[in-house]
């Protein structure tokens, strides 16, 4: 009895989140922190990196997010509204895709309910069975189309949009996004 060979993965390597690799990886790390700032859960003022606007401690010399030397890029007292706006765009775009997918799943479940009540043969036409299909199917379809499919598509589209806005910000920081 010899040792078995370890299983190998034959398919393509999985990279990125939801199949998207950001050219600015520090933006993905900063996204939850900026959402906290947008929700006003953290103070608006502080010490922020002059490049990526990640919050820094008073004794930090190198940004922990973008790895910039703070002596070179400087620090800011607060995050510019245009930068917060690009994170808000990502958050809203992602939420729109998730909610739309979930509502589509609920609409399918509702259609199944109506179909079963009106045209369902025998036991399938019983309102109790149709109601169980509405509740169970509504939950499962909303999860599938919203939290699974909608979240992946929404993340890719929202991250691309955020990255494009960030690239525009890097080109001209004072321009309106």
C-alpha atoms as a PDB file:
ATOM      1  CA  UNK A   1       0.000   0.000   0.000  1.00  0.00           C
ATOM      2  CA  UNK A   2       1.814   3.104  -1.246  1.00  0.00           C
ATOM      3  CA  UNK A   3       0.997   6.687  -0.549  1.00  0.00           C
ATOM      4  CA  UNK A   4      -1.602   8.177  -2.839  1.00  0.00           C
ATOM      5  CA  UNK A   5      -0.599  11.032  -5.080  1.00  0.00           C
ATOM      6  CA  UNK A   6      -2.161  14.362  -4.122  1.00  0.00           C
ATOM      7  CA  UNK A   7      -5.060  15.487  -6.262  1.00  0.00           C
ATOM      8  CA  UNK A   8      -4.205  18.130  -8.807  1.00  0.00           C
ATOM      9  CA  UNK A   9      -6.420  20.912 -10.022  1.00  0.00           C
ATOM     10  CA  UNK A  10      -6.796  20.579 -13.784  1.00  0.00           C
ATOM     11  CA  UNK A  11      -8.948  23.658 -14.438  1.00  0.00           C
ATOM     12  CA  UNK A  12      -7.885  27.261 -14.787  1.00  0.00           C
ATOM     13  CA  UNK A  13      -6.552  28.973 -11.691  1.00  0.00           C
ATOM     14  CA  UNK A  14      -9.084  31.082  -9.847  1.00  0.00           C
ATOM     15  CA  UNK A  15      -7.876  34.654  -9.506  1.00  0.00           C
ATOM     16  CA  UNK A  16      -9.447  37.824  -8.194  1.00  0.00           C
ATOM     17  CA  UNK A  17     -12.820  38.277  -6.594  1.00  0.00           C
ATOM     18  CA  UNK A  18     -15.765  37.137  -8.731  1.00  0.00           C
ATOM     19  CA  UNK A  19     -13.364  36.791 -11.653  1.00  0.00           C
ATOM     20  CA  UNK A  20     -12.137  40.394 -11.562  1.00  0.00           C
ATOM     21  CA  UNK A  21      -8.625  41.509 -10.639  1.00  0.00           C
ATOM     22  CA  UNK A  22      -8.395  45.184  -9.777  1.00  0.00           C
ATOM     23  CA  UNK A  23      -5.395  47.150 -11.056  1.00  0.00           C
ATOM     24  CA  UNK A  24      -5.602  48.963  -7.705  1.00  0.00           C
ATOM     25  CA  UNK A  25      -5.714  46.168  -5.085  1.00  0.00           C
ATOM     26  CA  UNK A  26      -5.610  48.618  -2.180  1.00  0.00           C
ATOM     27  CA  UNK A  27      -9.069  49.912  -3.173  1.00  0.00           C
ATOM     28  CA  UNK A  28     -10.605  46.524  -2.336  1.00  0.00           C
ATOM     29  CA  UNK A  29      -8.983  46.632   1.100  1.00  0.00           C
ATOM     30  CA  UNK A  30     -10.128  50.212   1.664  1.00  0.00           C
ATOM     31  CA  UNK A  31     -13.724  49.623   0.484  1.00  0.00           C
ATOM     32  CA  UNK A  32     -15.139  48.433   3.855  1.00  0.00           C
ATOM     33  CA  UNK A  33     -13.278  51.188   5.682  1.00  0.00           C
ATOM     34  CA  UNK A  34     -14.650  53.843   3.342  1.00  0.00           C
ATOM     35  CA  UNK A  35     -18.146  52.389   3.725  1.00  0.00           C
ATOM     36  CA  UNK A  36     -17.754  52.813   7.501  1.00  0.00           C
ATOM     37  CA  UNK A  37     -16.808  56.438   6.880  1.00  0.00           C
ATOM     38  CA  UNK A  38     -19.780  56.904   4.533  1.00  0.00           C
ATOM     39  CA  UNK A  39     -22.088  55.463   7.208  1.00  0.00           C
ATOM     40  CA  UNK A  40     -20.545  57.898   9.731  1.00  0.00           C
ATOM     41  CA  UNK A  41     -19.369  55.098  12.030  1.00  0.00           C
ATOM     42  CA  UNK A  42     -15.847  56.548  12.223  1.00  0.00           C
ATOM     43  CA  UNK A  43     -14.667  60.148  12.649  1.00  0.00           C
ATOM     44  CA  UNK A  44     -14.442  62.282   9.508  1.00  0.00           C
ATOM     45  CA  UNK A  45     -11.122  63.825  10.487  1.00  0.00           C
ATOM     46  CA  UNK A  46      -7.832  62.145  11.243  1.00  0.00           C
ATOM     47  CA  UNK A  47      -4.546  61.351   9.557  1.00  0.00           C
ATOM     48  CA  UNK A  48      -4.958  59.885   6.071  1.00  0.00           C
ATOM     49  CA  UNK A  49      -2.484  58.800   3.391  1.00  0.00           C
ATOM     50  CA  UNK A  50      -2.105  61.520   0.770  1.00  0.00           C
ATOM     51  CA  UNK A  51      -2.337  58.955  -2.041  1.00  0.00           C
ATOM     52  CA  UNK A  52      -4.978  56.341  -1.169  1.00  0.00           C
ATOM     53  CA  UNK A  53      -6.634  58.146   1.790  1.00  0.00           C
ATOM     54  CA  UNK A  54      -6.376  55.154   4.099  1.00  0.00           C
ATOM     55  CA  UNK A  55      -6.501  56.068   7.801  1.00  0.00           C
ATOM     56  CA  UNK A  56      -3.017  56.121   9.392  1.00  0.00           C
ATOM     57  CA  UNK A  57      -1.717  56.120  12.940  1.00  0.00           C
ATOM     58  CA  UNK A  58       0.319  59.134  14.061  1.00  0.00           C
ATOM     59  CA  UNK A  59       3.584  57.149  14.098  1.00  0.00           C
ATOM     60  CA  UNK A  60       3.137  55.407  10.711  1.00  0.00           C
ATOM     61  CA  UNK A  61       5.808  56.153   8.084  1.00  0.00           C
ATOM     62  CA  UNK A  62       4.578  53.850   5.269  1.00  0.00           C
ATOM     63  CA  UNK A  63       0.920  53.446   4.318  1.00  0.00           C
ATOM     64  CA  UNK A  64      -0.335  49.967   5.167  1.00  0.00           C
ATOM     65  CA  UNK A  65      -2.732  49.977   2.214  1.00  0.00           C
ATOM     66  CA  UNK A  66      -0.895  51.349  -0.841  1.00  0.00           C
ATOM     67  CA  UNK A  67       2.648  51.029   0.600  1.00  0.00           C
ATOM     68  CA  UNK A  68       3.417  54.697  -0.212  1.00  0.00           C
ATOM     69  CA  UNK A  69       5.998  56.555   1.839  1.00  0.00           C
ATOM     70  CA  UNK A  70       3.980  59.120   3.788  1.00  0.00           C
ATOM     71  CA  UNK A  71       6.902  61.565   3.770  1.00  0.00           C
ATOM     72  CA  UNK A  72       6.690  61.628  -0.057  1.00  0.00           C
ATOM     73  CA  UNK A  73       2.920  61.642  -0.614  1.00  0.00           C
ATOM     74  CA  UNK A  74       2.045  63.594   2.517  1.00  0.00           C
ATOM     75  CA  UNK A  75      -0.988  63.208   4.721  1.00  0.00           C
ATOM     76  CA  UNK A  76      -4.479  64.683   4.676  1.00  0.00           C
ATOM     77  CA  UNK A  77      -6.785  65.661   7.533  1.00  0.00           C
ATOM     78  CA  UNK A  78      -9.901  64.262   5.873  1.00  0.00           C
ATOM     79  CA  UNK A  79     -10.973  62.243   2.847  1.00  0.00           C
ATOM     80  CA  UNK A  80     -12.089  64.357  -0.148  1.00  0.00           C
ATOM     81  CA  UNK A  81     -15.766  64.065  -1.045  1.00  0.00           C
ATOM     82  CA  UNK A  82     -14.925  63.002  -4.620  1.00  0.00           C
ATOM     83  CA  UNK A  83     -12.999  59.999  -3.285  1.00  0.00           C
ATOM     84  CA  UNK A  84     -15.834  59.024  -0.949  1.00  0.00           C
ATOM     85  CA  UNK A  85     -18.216  59.366  -3.878  1.00  0.00           C
ATOM     86  CA  UNK A  86     -16.366  56.745  -5.943  1.00  0.00           C
ATOM     87  CA  UNK A  87     -16.641  54.234  -3.095  1.00  0.00           C
ATOM     88  CA  UNK A  88     -20.341  55.090  -2.779  1.00  0.00           C
ATOM     89  CA  UNK A  89     -20.786  54.439  -6.522  1.00  0.00           C
ATOM     90  CA  UNK A  90     -19.371  50.926  -6.059  1.00  0.00           C
ATOM     91  CA  UNK A  91     -21.562  50.270  -3.039  1.00  0.00           C
ATOM     92  CA  UNK A  92     -24.729  51.445  -4.825  1.00  0.00           C
ATOM     93  CA  UNK A  93     -23.988  49.586  -8.069  1.00  0.00           C
ATOM     94  CA  UNK A  94     -23.330  46.345  -6.222  1.00  0.00           C
ATOM     95  CA  UNK A  95     -26.486  46.724  -4.125  1.00  0.00           C
ATOM     96  CA  UNK A  96     -28.578  47.455  -7.216  1.00  0.00           C
ATOM     97  CA  UNK A  97     -27.464  44.207  -8.888  1.00  0.00           C
ATOM     98  CA  UNK A  98     -28.068  42.134  -5.747  1.00  0.00           C
ATOM     99  CA  UNK A  99     -31.513  43.612  -5.090  1.00  0.00           C
ATOM    100  CA  UNK A 100     -32.566  43.335  -8.736  1.00  0.00           C
ATOM    101  CA  UNK A 101     -31.510  39.678  -8.827  1.00  0.00           C
ATOM    102  CA  UNK A 102     -33.353  38.930  -5.595  1.00  0.00           C
ATOM    103  CA  UNK A 103     -36.525  40.616  -6.857  1.00  0.00           C
ATOM    104  CA  UNK A 104     -36.258  38.629 -10.101  1.00  0.00           C
ATOM    105  CA  UNK A 105     -36.076  35.419  -8.045  1.00  0.00           C
ATOM    106  CA  UNK A 106     -39.104  36.443  -5.992  1.00  0.00           C
ATOM    107  CA  UNK A 107     -40.999  37.284  -9.190  1.00  0.00           C
ATOM    108  CA  UNK A 108     -40.234  33.827 -10.584  1.00  0.00           C
ATOM    109  CA  UNK A 109     -41.489  32.241  -7.355  1.00  0.00           C
ATOM    110  CA  UNK A 110     -44.642  34.341  -7.531  1.00  0.00           C
ATOM    111  CA  UNK A 111     -45.190  33.240 -11.136  1.00  0.00           C
ATOM    112  CA  UNK A 112     -44.740  29.609 -10.082  1.00  0.00           C
ATOM    113  CA  UNK A 113     -47.287  30.145  -7.284  1.00  0.00           C
ATOM    114  CA  UNK A 114     -49.880  31.583  -9.674  1.00  0.00           C
ATOM    115  CA  UNK A 115     -49.232  28.815 -12.192  1.00  0.00           C
ATOM    116  CA  UNK A 116     -49.653  26.098  -9.561  1.00  0.00           C
ATOM    117  CA  UNK A 117     -52.860  27.575  -8.124  1.00  0.00           C
ATOM    118  CA  UNK A 118     -54.526  28.178 -11.501  1.00  0.00           C
ATOM    119  CA  UNK A 119     -53.266  25.304 -13.666  1.00  0.00           C
ATOM    120  CA  UNK A 120     -51.586  22.853 -11.274  1.00  0.00           C
ATOM    121  CA  UNK A 121     -52.941  19.297 -11.610  1.00  0.00           C
ATOM    122  CA  UNK A 122     -54.010  17.363  -8.523  1.00  0.00           C
ATOM    123  CA  UNK A 123     -51.817  17.808  -5.461  1.00  0.00           C
ATOM    124  CA  UNK A 124     -49.642  20.384  -7.255  1.00  0.00           C
ATOM    125  CA  UNK A 125     -52.700  22.633  -7.606  1.00  0.00           C
ATOM    126  CA  UNK A 126     -53.445  22.653  -3.882  1.00  0.00           C
ATOM    127  CA  UNK A 127     -53.030  26.174  -2.452  1.00  0.00           C
ATOM    128  CA  UNK A 128     -51.001  24.827   0.489  1.00  0.00           C
ATOM    129  CA  UNK A 129     -48.456  23.239  -1.830  1.00  0.00           C
ATOM    130  CA  UNK A 130     -48.352  26.363  -3.989  1.00  0.00           C
ATOM    131  CA  UNK A 131     -47.833  28.505  -0.881  1.00  0.00           C
ATOM    132  CA  UNK A 132     -44.954  26.269   0.251  1.00  0.00           C
ATOM    133  CA  UNK A 133     -43.472  26.597  -3.247  1.00  0.00           C
ATOM    134  CA  UNK A 134     -43.877  30.382  -2.993  1.00  0.00           C
ATOM    135  CA  UNK A 135     -42.108  30.620   0.379  1.00  0.00           C
ATOM    136  CA  UNK A 136     -39.390  28.015  -0.216  1.00  0.00           C
ATOM    137  CA  UNK A 137     -38.914  28.796  -3.883  1.00  0.00           C
ATOM    138  CA  UNK A 138     -38.943  32.523  -3.199  1.00  0.00           C
ATOM    139  CA  UNK A 139     -36.172  32.164  -0.660  1.00  0.00           C
ATOM    140  CA  UNK A 140     -34.049  29.854  -2.811  1.00  0.00           C
ATOM    141  CA  UNK A 141     -34.538  31.795  -6.046  1.00  0.00           C
ATOM    142  CA  UNK A 142     -33.882  35.138  -4.335  1.00  0.00           C
ATOM    143  CA  UNK A 143     -30.670  33.725  -2.866  1.00  0.00           C
ATOM    144  CA  UNK A 144     -29.598  32.254  -6.195  1.00  0.00           C
ATOM    145  CA  UNK A 145     -30.336  35.259  -8.404  1.00  0.00           C
ATOM    146  CA  UNK A 146     -29.507  37.904  -5.789  1.00  0.00           C
ATOM    147  CA  UNK A 147     -26.809  36.776  -3.412  1.00  0.00           C
ATOM    148  CA  UNK A 148     -25.102  34.398  -5.846  1.00  0.00           C
ATOM    149  CA  UNK A 149     -25.437  35.600  -9.454  1.00  0.00           C
ATOM    150  CA  UNK A 150     -26.296  39.249  -8.801  1.00  0.00           C
ATOM    151  CA  UNK A 151     -23.493  39.662  -6.281  1.00  0.00           C
ATOM    152  CA  UNK A 152     -20.858  38.336  -8.687  1.00  0.00           C
ATOM    153  CA  UNK A 153     -21.998  40.377 -11.666  1.00  0.00           C
ATOM    154  CA  UNK A 154     -22.560  43.408  -9.452  1.00  0.00           C
ATOM    155  CA  UNK A 155     -19.112  43.159  -7.898  1.00  0.00           C
ATOM    156  CA  UNK A 156     -17.397  42.967 -11.292  1.00  0.00           C
ATOM    157  CA  UNK A 157     -19.321  45.887 -12.759  1.00  0.00           C
ATOM    158  CA  UNK A 158     -19.073  48.006  -9.608  1.00  0.00           C
ATOM    159  CA  UNK A 159     -15.356  47.367  -9.113  1.00  0.00           C
ATOM    160  CA  UNK A 160     -14.647  48.275 -12.747  1.00  0.00           C
ATOM    161  CA  UNK A 161     -16.650  51.469 -12.360  1.00  0.00           C
ATOM    162  CA  UNK A 162     -14.851  52.352  -9.105  1.00  0.00           C
ATOM    163  CA  UNK A 163     -11.453  51.610 -10.653  1.00  0.00           C
ATOM    164  CA  UNK A 164     -12.244  53.802 -13.680  1.00  0.00           C
ATOM    165  CA  UNK A 165     -13.270  56.658 -11.377  1.00  0.00           C
ATOM    166  CA  UNK A 166     -10.089  56.180  -9.339  1.00  0.00           C
ATOM    167  CA  UNK A 167      -7.988  56.333 -12.523  1.00  0.00           C
ATOM    168  CA  UNK A 168      -9.722  59.613 -13.423  1.00  0.00           C
ATOM    169  CA  UNK A 169      -9.012  60.892  -9.897  1.00  0.00           C
ATOM    170  CA  UNK A 170      -5.333  60.009 -10.232  1.00  0.00           C
ATOM    171  CA  UNK A 171      -5.140  61.910 -13.544  1.00  0.00           C
ATOM    172  CA  UNK A 172      -6.728  65.080 -12.166  1.00  0.00           C
ATOM    173  CA  UNK A 173      -7.450  65.096  -8.420  1.00  0.00           C
ATOM    174  CA  UNK A 174      -9.518  68.285  -8.422  1.00  0.00           C
ATOM    175  CA  UNK A 175     -11.849  67.262 -11.260  1.00  0.00           C
ATOM    176  CA  UNK A 176     -15.442  66.317 -10.557  1.00  0.00           C
ATOM    177  CA  UNK A 177     -16.014  62.545 -10.794  1.00  0.00           C
END
